[in-house]
Protein backbone atom coordinates (compact mmCIF):
# COMPACT_ATOMS: atom_id res chain seq x y z
CA MET A 1 0.00 0.00 0.00
CA ASP A 2 1.37 3.41 -0.99
CA LEU A 3 0.67 5.54 2.08
CA ALA A 4 1.56 8.77 0.28
CA THR A 5 -1.19 8.23 -2.32
CA LEU A 6 -3.74 7.18 0.29
CA ILE A 7 -2.93 10.07 2.63
CA GLY A 8 -2.98 12.49 -0.29
CA PHE A 9 -6.47 11.41 -1.37
CA ILE A 10 -7.85 11.48 2.16
CA LEU A 11 -6.31 14.88 2.88
CA SER A 12 -7.47 16.43 -0.40
CA PHE A 13 -11.06 15.26 -0.09
CA ALA A 14 -11.13 16.07 3.62
CA MET A 15 -10.08 19.67 2.92
CA VAL A 16 -12.70 20.07 0.19
CA ILE A 17 -15.50 18.49 2.23
CA GLY A 18 -14.45 20.34 5.37
CA SER A 19 -14.51 23.66 3.56
CA ILE A 20 -18.02 22.94 2.29
CA MET A 21 -19.34 21.87 5.68
CA ALA A 22 -17.82 24.91 7.35
CA ASN A 23 -19.93 27.17 5.16
CA GLY A 24 -23.12 25.22 4.57
CA PRO A 25 -24.79 21.80 4.29
CA LEU A 26 -22.99 19.16 2.26
CA SER A 27 -26.25 18.26 0.52
CA SER A 28 -26.24 21.59 -1.29
CA PHE A 29 -23.26 20.34 -3.31
CA TRP A 30 -25.04 17.25 -4.59
CA ASP A 31 -26.78 17.24 -7.95
CA THR A 32 -27.39 13.99 -9.80
CA GLY A 33 -27.76 15.59 -13.23
CA SER A 34 -24.44 17.40 -12.90
CA ILE A 35 -22.68 14.21 -11.88
CA LEU A 36 -24.12 12.37 -14.86
CA ILE A 37 -22.92 15.04 -17.28
CA VAL A 38 -19.37 15.15 -15.92
CA VAL A 39 -18.78 11.47 -15.19
CA GLY A 40 -20.73 10.11 -18.15
CA GLY A 41 -19.30 12.63 -20.59
CA THR A 42 -15.73 12.03 -19.42
CA ILE A 43 -16.09 8.26 -19.76
CA GLY A 44 -17.67 8.73 -23.19
CA VAL A 45 -14.83 10.79 -24.67
CA THR A 46 -12.28 8.47 -23.05
CA LEU A 47 -13.92 5.60 -24.97
CA ILE A 48 -13.47 7.64 -28.14
CA ASN A 49 -9.77 8.11 -27.39
CA TYR A 50 -8.95 4.59 -26.19
CA PRO A 51 -10.00 1.00 -27.00
CA LEU A 52 -12.78 -0.48 -24.88
CA GLY A 53 -10.41 -2.97 -23.24
CA ASP A 54 -8.13 -0.19 -21.99
CA VAL A 55 -11.03 1.70 -20.44
CA ILE A 56 -12.47 -1.44 -18.82
CA ALA A 57 -9.03 -2.15 -17.34
CA ILE A 58 -8.92 1.30 -15.76
CA MET A 59 -9.47 -0.06 -12.24
CA GLY A 60 -6.49 -2.35 -12.60
CA VAL A 61 -4.37 0.57 -13.75
CA MET A 62 -5.64 2.74 -10.90
CA LYS A 63 -4.74 0.00 -8.43
CA ASN A 64 -1.06 0.48 -9.31
CA ALA A 65 -1.21 3.97 -7.80
CA PHE A 66 -2.27 2.52 -4.43
CA LEU A 67 -1.00 -1.06 -4.27
CA TYR A 68 2.59 -1.22 -5.41
CA LYS A 69 5.45 -3.34 -4.13
CA THR A 70 8.44 -1.04 -4.07
CA THR A 71 11.76 -2.54 -5.11
CA SER A 72 14.76 -0.73 -3.71
CA PRO A 73 17.60 -0.08 -6.19
CA GLY A 74 19.97 -0.95 -3.33
CA GLU A 75 18.37 -4.38 -2.96
CA VAL A 76 18.65 -5.02 -6.69
CA ILE A 77 22.30 -3.95 -6.77
CA LYS A 78 23.05 -6.16 -3.78
CA LYS A 79 21.46 -9.15 -5.49
CA LEU A 80 23.25 -8.54 -8.80
CA VAL A 81 26.63 -8.09 -7.11
CA HIS A 82 26.02 -11.38 -5.29
CA PHE A 83 25.24 -13.08 -8.62
CA ALA A 84 28.37 -11.56 -10.17
CA ASP A 85 30.47 -12.89 -7.30
CA MET A 86 28.98 -16.37 -7.67
CA ALA A 87 29.48 -16.33 -11.45
CA ARG A 88 33.10 -15.24 -11.07
CA ARG A 89 33.85 -17.92 -8.45
CA GLU A 90 31.83 -20.86 -9.75
CA GLY A 91 31.09 -20.03 -13.36
CA ILE A 92 27.95 -18.52 -14.83
CA LEU A 93 26.26 -21.93 -15.19
CA PHE A 94 26.24 -22.15 -11.40
CA LEU A 95 23.53 -19.46 -11.38
CA GLU A 96 21.05 -21.93 -12.83
CA LYS A 97 20.58 -23.19 -9.28
CA GLU A 98 19.40 -19.72 -8.27
CA MET A 99 16.72 -19.44 -10.95
CA GLU A 100 13.96 -21.02 -8.86
CA ASN A 101 14.52 -18.42 -6.13
CA ILE A 102 14.01 -15.46 -8.49
CA ASP A 103 10.50 -14.02 -8.66
CA ASP A 104 11.09 -11.20 -11.12
CA PRO A 105 10.35 -12.44 -14.70
CA PHE A 106 12.63 -9.81 -16.27
CA LEU A 107 15.63 -10.74 -14.13
CA LYS A 108 14.96 -14.44 -14.66
CA GLN A 109 14.76 -13.95 -18.43
CA GLY A 110 18.03 -11.99 -18.52
CA LEU A 111 19.89 -14.52 -16.38
CA GLN A 112 18.58 -17.40 -18.47
CA LEU A 113 19.78 -15.72 -21.66
CA SER A 114 23.18 -15.22 -20.06
CA ILE A 115 23.36 -18.83 -18.83
CA ASP A 116 22.39 -20.06 -22.31
CA GLY A 117 25.42 -18.25 -23.75
CA THR A 118 23.48 -15.64 -25.72
CA GLU A 119 25.66 -12.89 -27.21
CA PRO A 120 25.77 -9.69 -25.13
CA ASP A 121 24.40 -7.57 -27.99
CA ALA A 122 21.47 -9.94 -28.39
CA ILE A 123 20.77 -9.84 -24.64
CA ARG A 124 20.86 -6.04 -24.66
CA ASN A 125 18.50 -5.89 -27.66
CA ILE A 126 16.02 -8.35 -26.13
CA LEU A 127 15.97 -6.71 -22.71
CA SER A 128 15.91 -3.18 -24.15
CA THR A 129 12.87 -4.16 -26.20
CA GLU A 130 11.19 -5.46 -23.02
CA ILE A 131 11.92 -2.15 -21.28
CA SER A 132 10.64 -0.15 -24.25
CA TYR A 133 7.32 -1.99 -24.34
CA LEU A 134 7.04 -1.71 -20.56
CA LYS A 135 7.35 2.08 -20.89
CA ASP A 136 4.74 2.11 -23.68
CA ARG A 137 2.24 0.19 -21.54
CA HIS A 138 2.80 2.48 -18.58
CA GLU A 139 2.54 5.61 -20.71
CA ASN A 140 -0.74 4.33 -22.13
CA GLY A 141 -2.17 3.86 -18.62
CA ALA A 142 -1.00 7.28 -17.43
CA GLY A 143 -2.20 8.86 -20.67
CA LEU A 144 -5.69 7.48 -20.07
CA PHE A 145 -5.93 9.33 -16.76
CA ASP A 146 -4.39 12.46 -18.31
CA THR A 147 -7.14 12.33 -20.94
CA MET A 148 -9.83 12.03 -18.27
CA GLY A 149 -8.22 14.89 -16.35
CA MET A 150 -8.34 17.04 -19.47
CA TYR A 151 -11.97 16.36 -20.37
CA ALA A 152 -13.58 16.35 -16.91
CA PRO A 153 -13.33 20.18 -16.52
CA ALA A 154 -14.54 20.57 -20.12
CA PHE A 155 -17.70 18.61 -19.39
CA GLY A 156 -18.06 20.58 -16.18
CA MET A 157 -18.17 23.73 -18.30
CA ILE A 158 -20.60 22.13 -20.75
CA GLY A 159 -22.91 21.29 -17.86
CA THR A 160 -22.63 24.85 -16.59
CA LEU A 161 -23.58 26.22 -20.02
CA ILE A 162 -26.57 23.89 -20.16
CA GLY A 163 -27.64 25.09 -16.74
CA LEU A 164 -27.24 28.74 -17.74
CA VAL A 165 -29.34 28.25 -20.86
CA LEU A 166 -32.10 26.65 -18.79
CA MET A 167 -31.82 29.40 -16.20
CA LEU A 168 -32.07 32.17 -18.80
CA GLY A 169 -35.16 30.47 -20.16
CA SER A 170 -36.94 31.01 -16.85
CA MET A 171 -35.95 34.62 -16.14
CA GLU A 172 -39.58 35.53 -15.48
CA ASP A 173 -39.18 34.00 -12.01
CA PRO A 174 -36.33 35.91 -10.28
CA SER A 175 -36.48 33.67 -7.19
CA SER A 176 -35.37 30.69 -9.26
CA ILE A 177 -32.24 32.37 -10.64
CA GLY A 178 -30.05 31.83 -7.55
CA PRO A 179 -30.72 28.09 -7.09
CA ALA A 180 -30.49 27.50 -10.83
CA MET A 181 -27.13 29.28 -11.00
CA ALA A 182 -25.85 27.19 -8.08
CA VAL A 183 -26.80 23.96 -9.82
CA ALA A 184 -25.24 25.18 -13.07
CA LEU A 185 -21.94 25.87 -11.34
CA LEU A 186 -21.85 22.48 -9.64
CA THR A 187 -20.83 20.77 -12.88
CA THR A 188 -17.74 22.98 -13.09
CA PHE A 189 -17.01 22.12 -9.47
CA TYR A 190 -17.33 18.37 -10.11
CA GLY A 191 -15.13 18.56 -13.19
CA ALA A 192 -12.42 20.53 -11.38
CA VAL A 193 -12.40 18.17 -8.38
CA LEU A 194 -12.28 15.00 -10.48
CA ALA A 195 -9.50 16.38 -12.67
CA ASN A 196 -7.29 17.91 -10.00
CA VAL A 197 -7.87 15.55 -7.08
CA VAL A 198 -8.30 12.21 -8.89
CA PHE A 199 -7.32 11.90 -12.55
CA ILE A 200 -4.24 14.14 -12.95
CA PRO A 201 -2.62 13.09 -9.62
CA ILE A 202 -3.12 9.41 -10.47
CA ALA A 203 -1.54 9.98 -13.88
CA GLY A 204 1.42 11.64 -12.17
CA LYS A 205 1.84 8.79 -9.70
CA LEU A 206 1.71 6.21 -12.51
CA LYS A 207 4.45 8.11 -14.37
CA THR A 208 6.57 8.07 -11.22
CA ARG A 209 5.98 4.34 -10.82
CA SER A 210 6.98 3.80 -14.44
CA SER A 211 10.24 5.72 -14.00
CA GLU A 212 11.08 3.67 -10.91
CA GLU A 213 10.37 0.37 -12.64
CA VAL A 214 12.32 1.32 -15.76
CA LEU A 215 15.31 2.22 -13.55
CA ILE A 216 15.14 -1.19 -11.85
CA ARG A 217 14.98 -2.93 -15.24
CA LYS A 218 17.99 -0.99 -16.52
CA LEU A 219 19.94 -1.89 -13.39
CA MET A 220 19.14 -5.55 -13.97
CA MET A 221 20.12 -5.41 -17.64
CA GLU A 222 23.46 -3.69 -17.01
CA GLY A 223 24.20 -5.98 -14.07
CA ILE A 224 23.55 -9.09 -16.16
CA LEU A 225 25.73 -7.83 -19.00
CA ALA A 226 28.56 -6.88 -16.62
CA MET A 227 28.29 -10.25 -14.91
CA GLN A 228 28.39 -12.08 -18.26
CA SER A 229 31.54 -10.21 -19.27
CA GLY A 230 33.23 -11.44 -16.10
CA ASP A 231 33.61 -8.08 -14.38
CA ASN A 232 34.84 -8.00 -10.81
CA PRO A 233 31.88 -7.74 -8.39
CA ARG A 234 33.23 -4.41 -7.12
CA ILE A 235 33.29 -3.08 -10.68
CA VAL A 236 29.73 -4.34 -11.18
CA GLU A 237 28.68 -2.51 -8.04
CA GLN A 238 30.28 0.75 -9.16
CA LYS A 239 28.64 0.50 -12.59
CA LEU A 240 25.22 0.00 -11.07
CA VAL A 241 25.55 2.60 -8.33
CA SER A 242 26.13 5.21 -11.07
CA PHE A 243 22.44 4.79 -12.01
CA ILE A 244 21.34 6.04 -8.59
CA ALA A 245 20.96 9.69 -7.63
CA PRO A 246 24.13 10.93 -5.83
CA LYS A 247 22.24 11.85 -2.66
CA ILE A 248 21.19 8.22 -2.04
CA ARG A 249 24.28 6.42 -3.33
CA SER A 250 25.97 6.22 0.06
CA THR A 251 22.83 4.68 1.59
CA ALA A 252 22.56 2.11 -1.21
CA VAL A 253 26.21 1.14 -1.01
CA ALA A 254 25.98 0.83 2.78
CA SER A 255 22.97 -1.49 2.47
CA GLU A 256 24.86 -3.63 -0.03
CA SER A 257 27.82 -4.10 2.24
CA GLU A 258 25.75 -5.27 5.22
């Protein structure tokens, strides 16, 4: 569970709801018609932009923003340095015994290619292609939420315009103008909240997750290639640590040496 995402959602909605309740009843901000316009319209244009399967899978994509098993770069480096040490001492074929203990399909694939004696250039091409398609899949998921974040405020404005037209059509009753205007503005409110509290933040978190996963995959690929070339484990470590931001390198190296 990503506590930052969960706390962010709770805090954002709590501030919005608290502000409403501090100035009036929460029920005054509920309008079924406005919700239908914003939510239904946003889903509709998203279906125009993306295949049906991608939109149906939106809950699975959204889950990645909340439920995500973080893999530390330090842990990956430690594991790869250990593999490099074993390969240097016992030979790369010795790593076949470790395959059943590896859960990550990408790492397992790379090690198997190395054990099978695949040329380094071929390994790099295969694993780079895997990383490229991983990025494409992640960008597609984040792009879906970016699209929803772009269109939700637009449909909020459309709902407001519909409400204003209906309000102007009943100008003969001045007492109805205030309530009608309030309902008209609710669609803009719904669109803004959905876009800026739900859709756009989720898209941002998915992009962050993608960057983290791509970094881990690149670490694995470079570690496997360095290990196959017979590099000293210390050299492997230094190569991989260069992928990490300088401010956390000392922490990662310390964790590896424990």
